Amino acid sequence: MEKYFNIFIDGYKNYAGYLWKEITNPHLQNYVYWLILVSLFFLILEVIIPWRKKQLALRKDFWLDAFYMFFNFFIFSLIVYKASSDVIVNLFNDGIKYITGGFDLQGQNPLRTFPLWAILLIGFIGRDFIQWWIHRLLHKSETLWEFHKVHHSVEEMGFAAHLRFHWMENIVYRVLEYIPLALLGIGLYDFFVIHLFTLTWGHYNHSNISISGYITGGILGGFIGIILANNFLDIRFLSEVTTMNQAIVILSSIAIGSLLLGKIIKYLFNSPEMHIWHHSYELPEDRHTGVNFGLTLSIWDYLFKTAYIPHNGKDIRLGFPGVEEFPESFTGQAKHGFGKTTKN
């Protein structure tokens, strides 16, 4: 017991030190400043090319959502998640050792021999698939839906709404996703690039912009091109790394991504046009528990027939029946879900 208590205390100390170092020492793999930069990028896009042109850039509840971004991404982790998760990881691994007679899940998982790009690809797809099911559960369970209502209380959509969610969702997602990912060996790899990619795409899904699939495909192609051109993720693509060769690879990747993915990318990845319907105030009677549950990938919704885009939904009403009486303050929303619940 003392072992896990020390792990818990060390988790606080280590994460607090890490967070302070992130804030005071900007660098390329810095979560704090990437969150700020990605958010500013989408804020500028919402000002320049807004989908709903009558909606203000600093829309209703913008500053509340901005606080949620930092609370859920950093403060909650410092207060609760990091230290607690360290204990859970060690308890789970020790339990596997006890049951199997000594098998070390963390030390002997075969994925440790995989190249970094393969680990990240498996981790991204596996995590997104598990989170899709968890998201469905948040809508299906009346108890969990009360917590999830915080996210659906958004009445004007914008990028910052991405991270407006109840602190209990952090716990639900992390607890339910950890065991299957750990069994695959994925939960052991906490890589910057997955966080950055899903953060960016989540901001995009919630943003007040609408762009062509050819542009989105080109951007994704450019992202892959940057990885290839710089030999990131242990991919030795260029035998000779020069500025000219890097530029050719990146530009070619943009063109290929646009041409190959332009028509199909919105069937593979989530988008503002699709995700807006997930936040619709009015849902079809036969889908009253929700539609379009994808976080980053939309392919799961098409595979499991939960996709729903009846028409251009840029001006549909958002929220849920009863949102008019829902708490508007952070403290009110943080307390919501405890005690008597109401039906969807």
Protein backbone atom coordinates (compact mmCIF):
# COMPACT_ATOMS: atom_id res chain seq x y z
CA MET A 1 0.00 0.00 0.00
CA GLU A 2 2.88 2.33 0.82
CA LYS A 3 4.27 1.70 -2.68
CA TYR A 4 1.10 3.03 -4.34
CA PHE A 5 0.85 5.98 -1.95
CA ASN A 6 4.41 6.99 -2.88
CA ILE A 7 3.56 6.58 -6.57
CA PHE A 8 0.55 8.86 -6.06
CA ILE A 9 2.64 11.56 -4.33
CA ASP A 10 5.43 11.28 -6.91
CA GLY A 11 2.83 11.65 -9.67
CA TYR A 12 1.79 15.02 -8.27
CA LYS A 13 5.37 16.21 -7.90
CA ASN A 14 6.49 15.01 -11.32
CA TYR A 15 3.52 16.42 -13.21
CA ALA A 16 3.63 19.73 -11.34
CA GLY A 17 7.31 20.06 -12.22
CA TYR A 18 6.63 19.06 -15.82
CA LEU A 19 3.80 21.58 -16.19
CA TRP A 20 5.88 24.41 -14.73
CA LYS A 21 8.76 23.54 -17.07
CA GLU A 22 6.34 23.53 -20.04
CA ILE A 23 5.07 27.01 -19.15
CA THR A 24 8.49 28.54 -18.53
CA ASN A 25 10.44 26.82 -21.33
CA PRO A 26 8.79 27.07 -24.78
CA HIS A 27 9.95 24.35 -27.20
CA LEU A 28 8.65 22.44 -30.23
CA GLN A 29 7.10 19.63 -28.17
CA ASN A 30 5.36 21.89 -25.69
CA TYR A 31 1.68 21.05 -25.05
CA VAL A 32 0.86 24.41 -23.46
CA TYR A 33 2.03 26.57 -26.33
CA TRP A 34 0.81 24.18 -29.03
CA LEU A 35 -2.67 24.42 -27.48
CA ILE A 36 -2.38 28.22 -27.65
CA LEU A 37 -1.03 28.22 -31.23
CA VAL A 38 -3.60 25.73 -32.56
CA SER A 39 -6.40 27.69 -30.86
CA LEU A 40 -5.19 31.02 -32.29
CA PHE A 41 -4.96 29.42 -35.74
CA PHE A 42 -8.62 28.38 -35.69
CA LEU A 43 -9.71 31.66 -34.12
CA ILE A 44 -8.12 33.51 -37.04
CA LEU A 45 -9.84 31.18 -39.53
CA GLU A 46 -13.19 31.76 -37.82
CA VAL A 47 -12.64 35.52 -38.24
CA ILE A 48 -11.51 35.32 -41.88
CA ILE A 49 -13.76 32.56 -43.29
CA PRO A 50 -16.67 32.01 -40.87
CA TRP A 51 -19.23 29.37 -41.84
CA ARG A 52 -21.98 31.12 -39.88
CA LYS A 53 -21.25 34.68 -40.92
CA LYS A 54 -23.61 36.30 -38.41
CA GLN A 55 -21.95 34.54 -35.46
CA LEU A 56 -19.40 36.63 -33.57
CA ALA A 57 -15.83 35.31 -33.36
CA LEU A 58 -16.00 35.76 -29.58
CA ARG A 59 -19.32 33.93 -29.54
CA LYS A 60 -21.57 33.14 -26.61
CA ASP A 61 -19.62 31.38 -23.82
CA PHE A 62 -16.30 31.78 -25.68
CA TRP A 63 -14.38 32.67 -22.52
CA LEU A 64 -16.03 29.86 -20.55
CA ASP A 65 -14.90 27.40 -23.23
CA ALA A 66 -11.39 28.93 -23.23
CA PHE A 67 -11.18 28.22 -19.49
CA TYR A 68 -12.42 24.66 -20.07
CA MET A 69 -9.63 24.11 -22.60
CA PHE A 70 -6.92 24.77 -20.04
CA PHE A 71 -8.80 23.18 -17.15
CA ASN A 72 -9.40 19.86 -18.89
CA PHE A 73 -6.06 19.78 -20.71
CA PHE A 74 -3.82 20.76 -17.80
CA ILE A 75 -5.36 21.75 -14.45
CA PHE A 76 -7.47 18.61 -14.04
CA SER A 77 -4.46 16.49 -14.91
CA LEU A 78 -2.43 18.26 -12.24
CA ILE A 79 -5.11 17.99 -9.55
CA VAL A 80 -6.41 14.47 -10.14
CA TYR A 81 -5.64 12.51 -13.25
CA LYS A 82 -1.86 12.15 -13.51
CA ALA A 83 -1.17 10.94 -9.99
CA SER A 84 -4.23 8.67 -9.94
CA SER A 85 -3.44 7.19 -13.34
CA ASP A 86 0.11 6.36 -12.26
CA VAL A 87 -1.37 4.28 -9.44
CA ILE A 88 -3.85 2.56 -11.79
CA VAL A 89 -1.11 1.74 -14.32
CA ASN A 90 1.04 0.11 -11.64
CA LEU A 91 -1.89 -1.72 -10.02
CA PHE A 92 -2.98 -3.08 -13.39
CA ASN A 93 0.51 -4.19 -14.38
CA ASP A 94 1.09 -5.79 -10.96
CA GLY A 95 -2.26 -7.58 -11.29
CA ILE A 96 -1.26 -8.99 -14.69
CA LYS A 97 2.02 -10.20 -13.18
CA TYR A 98 0.17 -11.91 -10.32
CA ILE A 99 -2.42 -13.61 -12.56
CA THR A 100 0.07 -14.76 -15.21
CA GLY A 101 2.86 -15.71 -12.85
CA GLY A 102 5.25 -12.92 -13.74
CA PHE A 103 4.37 -11.60 -17.21
CA ASP A 104 5.40 -7.94 -17.35
CA LEU A 105 2.92 -6.18 -19.63
CA GLN A 106 5.00 -3.02 -19.77
CA GLY A 107 8.36 -4.72 -20.26
CA GLN A 108 7.47 -7.63 -22.56
CA ASN A 109 4.81 -6.26 -24.88
CA PRO A 110 5.71 -7.16 -28.50
CA LEU A 111 4.80 -3.69 -29.75
CA ARG A 112 8.02 -2.43 -28.20
CA THR A 113 9.81 -3.96 -31.21
CA PHE A 114 7.58 -2.12 -33.72
CA PRO A 115 8.83 1.05 -35.45
CA LEU A 116 7.57 4.26 -33.88
CA TRP A 117 5.30 5.16 -36.81
CA ALA A 118 3.51 1.78 -36.53
CA ILE A 119 3.02 2.17 -32.78
CA LEU A 120 1.55 5.62 -33.28
CA LEU A 121 -0.72 4.49 -36.13
CA ILE A 122 -2.03 1.51 -34.14
CA GLY A 123 -2.36 3.70 -31.07
CA PHE A 124 -4.28 6.40 -32.90
CA ILE A 125 -6.73 4.05 -34.66
CA GLY A 126 -7.21 1.81 -31.60
CA ARG A 127 -7.74 4.72 -29.23
CA ASP A 128 -10.16 6.48 -31.58
CA PHE A 129 -12.22 3.30 -32.01
CA ILE A 130 -12.44 2.75 -28.25
CA GLN A 131 -13.33 6.39 -27.66
CA TRP A 132 -16.10 6.12 -30.27
CA TRP A 133 -17.74 3.38 -28.18
CA ILE A 134 -17.23 5.35 -24.96
CA HIS A 135 -18.84 8.37 -26.60
CA ARG A 136 -21.86 6.25 -27.52
CA LEU A 137 -22.03 5.07 -23.92
CA LEU A 138 -22.10 8.67 -22.69
CA HIS A 139 -25.27 9.16 -24.74
CA LYS A 140 -26.83 5.78 -23.98
CA SER A 141 -26.46 5.83 -20.18
CA GLU A 142 -28.83 8.26 -18.47
CA THR A 143 -26.31 8.74 -15.65
CA LEU A 144 -23.36 9.48 -17.94
CA TRP A 145 -25.53 11.61 -20.22
CA GLU A 146 -26.05 14.06 -17.36
CA PHE A 147 -22.29 14.66 -17.26
CA HIS A 148 -22.05 14.75 -21.05
CA LYS A 149 -24.74 17.45 -21.18
CA VAL A 150 -22.03 19.96 -20.29
CA HIS A 151 -20.46 19.43 -23.71
CA HIS A 152 -23.85 19.61 -25.41
CA SER A 153 -24.82 22.81 -23.61
CA VAL A 154 -22.92 24.71 -26.32
CA GLU A 155 -25.46 26.83 -28.20
CA GLU A 156 -23.05 28.53 -30.61
CA MET A 157 -20.36 26.30 -32.06
CA GLY A 158 -16.69 27.26 -32.23
CA PHE A 159 -13.29 25.59 -31.90
CA ALA A 160 -13.05 26.19 -28.13
CA ALA A 161 -16.19 24.07 -27.58
CA HIS A 162 -13.99 21.06 -28.31
CA LEU A 163 -12.71 20.87 -24.74
CA ARG A 164 -15.83 22.00 -22.90
CA PHE A 165 -16.75 18.83 -21.04
CA HIS A 166 -17.44 17.73 -17.48
CA TRP A 167 -14.41 16.66 -15.43
CA MET A 168 -16.07 13.26 -14.89
CA GLU A 169 -15.66 12.59 -18.61
CA ASN A 170 -11.90 12.66 -18.09
CA ILE A 171 -12.28 9.86 -15.57
CA VAL A 172 -14.75 7.81 -17.65
CA TYR A 173 -12.65 7.98 -20.81
CA ARG A 174 -9.34 7.24 -19.11
CA VAL A 175 -10.64 4.34 -17.01
CA LEU A 176 -12.52 2.64 -19.85
CA GLU A 177 -9.88 3.17 -22.52
CA TYR A 178 -6.85 2.23 -20.44
CA ILE A 179 -7.38 -1.53 -20.04
CA PRO A 180 -7.98 -2.44 -23.72
CA LEU A 181 -5.19 -0.12 -24.84
CA ALA A 182 -2.84 -1.51 -22.21
CA LEU A 183 -3.61 -5.06 -23.34
CA LEU A 184 -2.54 -3.99 -26.82
CA GLY A 185 0.48 -2.22 -25.40
CA ILE A 186 -0.78 1.16 -26.63
CA GLY A 187 -1.48 2.75 -23.28
CA LEU A 188 2.23 2.65 -22.54
CA TYR A 189 3.11 5.11 -25.28
CA ASP A 190 2.08 8.70 -24.64
CA PHE A 191 3.41 10.38 -27.75
CA PHE A 192 3.23 14.05 -28.51
CA VAL A 193 2.25 13.66 -32.16
CA ILE A 194 -1.02 11.78 -31.38
CA HIS A 195 -2.07 14.43 -28.87
CA LEU A 196 -1.24 17.24 -31.26
CA PHE A 197 -3.04 15.62 -34.19
CA THR A 198 -6.25 14.78 -32.27
CA LEU A 199 -6.22 18.20 -30.57
CA THR A 200 -6.00 19.93 -33.95
CA TRP A 201 -8.69 17.78 -35.55
CA GLY A 202 -10.99 18.19 -32.54
CA HIS A 203 -10.65 21.97 -32.81
CA TYR A 204 -11.42 21.69 -36.52
CA ASN A 205 -14.55 19.55 -35.96
CA HIS A 206 -16.01 22.16 -33.63
CA SER A 207 -14.86 25.25 -35.52
CA ASN A 208 -17.06 27.76 -37.31
CA ILE A 209 -15.50 27.09 -40.71
CA SER A 210 -16.34 24.93 -43.71
CA ILE A 211 -13.65 24.05 -46.23
CA SER A 212 -13.42 21.78 -49.25
CA GLY A 213 -12.32 18.19 -48.83
CA TYR A 214 -9.56 18.91 -51.33
CA ILE A 215 -8.12 21.53 -48.97
CA THR A 216 -8.45 19.22 -45.96
CA GLY A 217 -6.82 16.39 -47.93
CA GLY A 218 -3.99 18.70 -48.94
CA ILE A 219 -3.43 19.77 -45.33
CA LEU A 220 -3.33 16.15 -44.17
CA GLY A 221 -0.98 15.32 -47.03
CA GLY A 222 1.25 18.23 -46.03
CA PHE A 223 1.31 16.96 -42.43
CA ILE A 224 2.48 13.55 -43.67
CA GLY A 225 4.97 15.24 -45.99
CA ILE A 226 6.54 17.14 -43.10
CA ILE A 227 6.98 13.85 -41.23
CA LEU A 228 8.59 12.21 -44.27
CA ALA A 229 10.77 15.18 -45.17
CA ASN A 230 12.24 15.44 -41.69
CA ASN A 231 12.67 11.70 -41.02
CA PHE A 232 10.33 11.97 -38.03
CA LEU A 233 8.93 8.83 -36.39
CA ASP A 234 11.88 6.67 -37.50
CA ILE A 235 10.81 6.88 -41.15
CA ARG A 236 13.98 7.22 -43.24
CA PHE A 237 12.33 8.48 -46.40
CA LEU A 238 15.06 10.75 -47.78
CA SER A 239 18.55 9.37 -48.28
CA GLU A 240 19.83 12.94 -48.63
CA VAL A 241 18.11 15.58 -46.53
CA THR A 242 18.36 18.97 -48.21
CA THR A 243 16.03 21.95 -48.12
CA MET A 244 15.17 21.42 -51.79
CA ASN A 245 14.38 17.73 -51.30
CA GLN A 246 12.29 18.50 -48.24
CA ALA A 247 10.31 21.14 -50.11
CA ILE A 248 9.67 18.74 -53.01
CA VAL A 249 8.44 16.01 -50.65
CA ILE A 250 6.12 18.37 -48.75
CA LEU A 251 4.65 19.98 -51.88
CA SER A 252 4.20 16.58 -53.55
CA SER A 253 2.47 15.24 -50.44
CA ILE A 254 0.10 18.20 -50.43
CA ALA A 255 -0.82 17.59 -54.09
CA ILE A 256 -1.20 13.82 -53.63
CA GLY A 257 -3.24 14.24 -50.44
CA SER A 258 -5.57 16.70 -52.13
CA LEU A 259 -6.09 14.58 -55.26
CA LEU A 260 -6.41 11.19 -53.55
CA LEU A 261 -8.37 12.23 -50.46
CA GLY A 262 -10.35 15.22 -51.70
CA LYS A 263 -13.59 13.33 -52.41
CA ILE A 264 -13.40 10.79 -49.59
CA ILE A 265 -11.70 12.49 -46.65
CA LYS A 266 -14.98 13.56 -45.01
CA TYR A 267 -16.03 9.90 -45.00
CA LEU A 268 -12.81 8.99 -43.20
CA PHE A 269 -12.35 11.95 -40.87
CA ASN A 270 -14.82 14.01 -38.86
CA SER A 271 -15.66 17.53 -40.04
CA PRO A 272 -17.60 20.61 -38.90
CA GLU A 273 -20.37 19.76 -41.38
CA MET A 274 -20.78 16.32 -39.80
CA HIS A 275 -20.15 17.13 -36.16
CA ILE A 276 -22.66 20.00 -36.09
CA TRP A 277 -25.42 17.37 -36.34
CA HIS A 278 -24.07 15.61 -33.28
CA HIS A 279 -24.88 18.80 -31.35
CA SER A 280 -28.33 19.26 -32.90
CA TYR A 281 -31.14 20.26 -30.52
CA GLU A 282 -33.57 18.08 -32.46
CA LEU A 283 -32.68 14.47 -33.31
CA PRO A 284 -34.57 11.88 -35.38
CA GLU A 285 -37.04 9.86 -33.30
CA ASP A 286 -35.26 6.61 -34.18
CA ARG A 287 -31.88 8.08 -33.09
CA HIS A 288 -32.85 9.94 -29.95
CA THR A 289 -29.63 8.92 -28.17
CA GLY A 290 -27.44 10.66 -30.74
CA VAL A 291 -25.71 10.54 -34.11
CA ASN A 292 -22.18 11.08 -35.50
CA PHE A 293 -20.20 9.88 -32.48
CA GLY A 294 -16.78 10.04 -34.17
CA LEU A 295 -14.07 12.03 -32.41
CA THR A 296 -11.38 12.20 -35.09
CA LEU A 297 -12.36 9.46 -37.54
CA SER A 298 -15.86 9.43 -39.04
CA ILE A 299 -15.49 5.99 -40.61
CA TRP A 300 -16.90 4.27 -37.49
CA ASP A 301 -20.21 6.11 -37.91
CA TYR A 302 -20.50 4.96 -41.51
CA LEU A 303 -19.53 1.38 -40.61
CA PHE A 304 -22.00 1.16 -37.72
CA LYS A 305 -24.72 3.23 -39.44
CA THR A 306 -24.82 6.13 -36.97
CA ALA A 307 -23.84 8.72 -39.59
CA TYR A 308 -26.45 11.43 -40.12
CA ILE A 309 -26.10 14.48 -42.39
CA PRO A 310 -29.58 15.17 -43.84
CA HIS A 311 -28.60 18.58 -45.25
CA ASN A 312 -26.32 21.57 -44.69
CA GLY A 313 -26.72 22.12 -40.97
CA LYS A 314 -24.84 25.33 -40.41
CA ASP A 315 -27.88 27.16 -39.01
CA ILE A 316 -29.55 24.37 -37.02
CA ARG A 317 -30.38 24.92 -33.36
CA LEU A 318 -27.80 23.44 -30.97
CA GLY A 319 -28.13 22.00 -27.49
CA PHE A 320 -30.78 19.66 -26.08
CA PRO A 321 -34.33 19.97 -24.69
CA GLY A 322 -33.95 21.76 -21.38
CA VAL A 323 -30.68 23.53 -22.24
CA GLU A 324 -32.43 26.80 -21.45
CA GLU A 325 -32.40 25.90 -17.73
CA PHE A 326 -28.94 24.30 -17.75
CA PRO A 327 -26.31 25.90 -15.42
CA GLU A 328 -24.33 28.61 -17.22
CA SER A 329 -21.37 28.95 -14.82
CA PHE A 330 -18.37 26.63 -14.61
CA THR A 331 -19.06 25.75 -10.97
CA GLY A 332 -22.70 25.00 -11.73
CA GLN A 333 -21.74 22.76 -14.63
CA ALA A 334 -18.96 21.06 -12.64
CA LYS A 335 -21.52 20.02 -10.00
CA HIS A 336 -24.11 18.90 -12.53
CA GLY A 337 -24.77 15.16 -12.80
CA PHE A 338 -24.57 14.37 -9.11
CA GLY A 339 -27.89 13.57 -7.50
CA LYS A 340 -31.17 13.24 -9.36
CA THR A 341 -30.83 12.98 -13.11
CA THR A 342 -33.22 13.84 -15.91
CA LYS A 343 -33.90 11.89 -19.06
CA ASN A 344 -32.41 12.83 -22.42
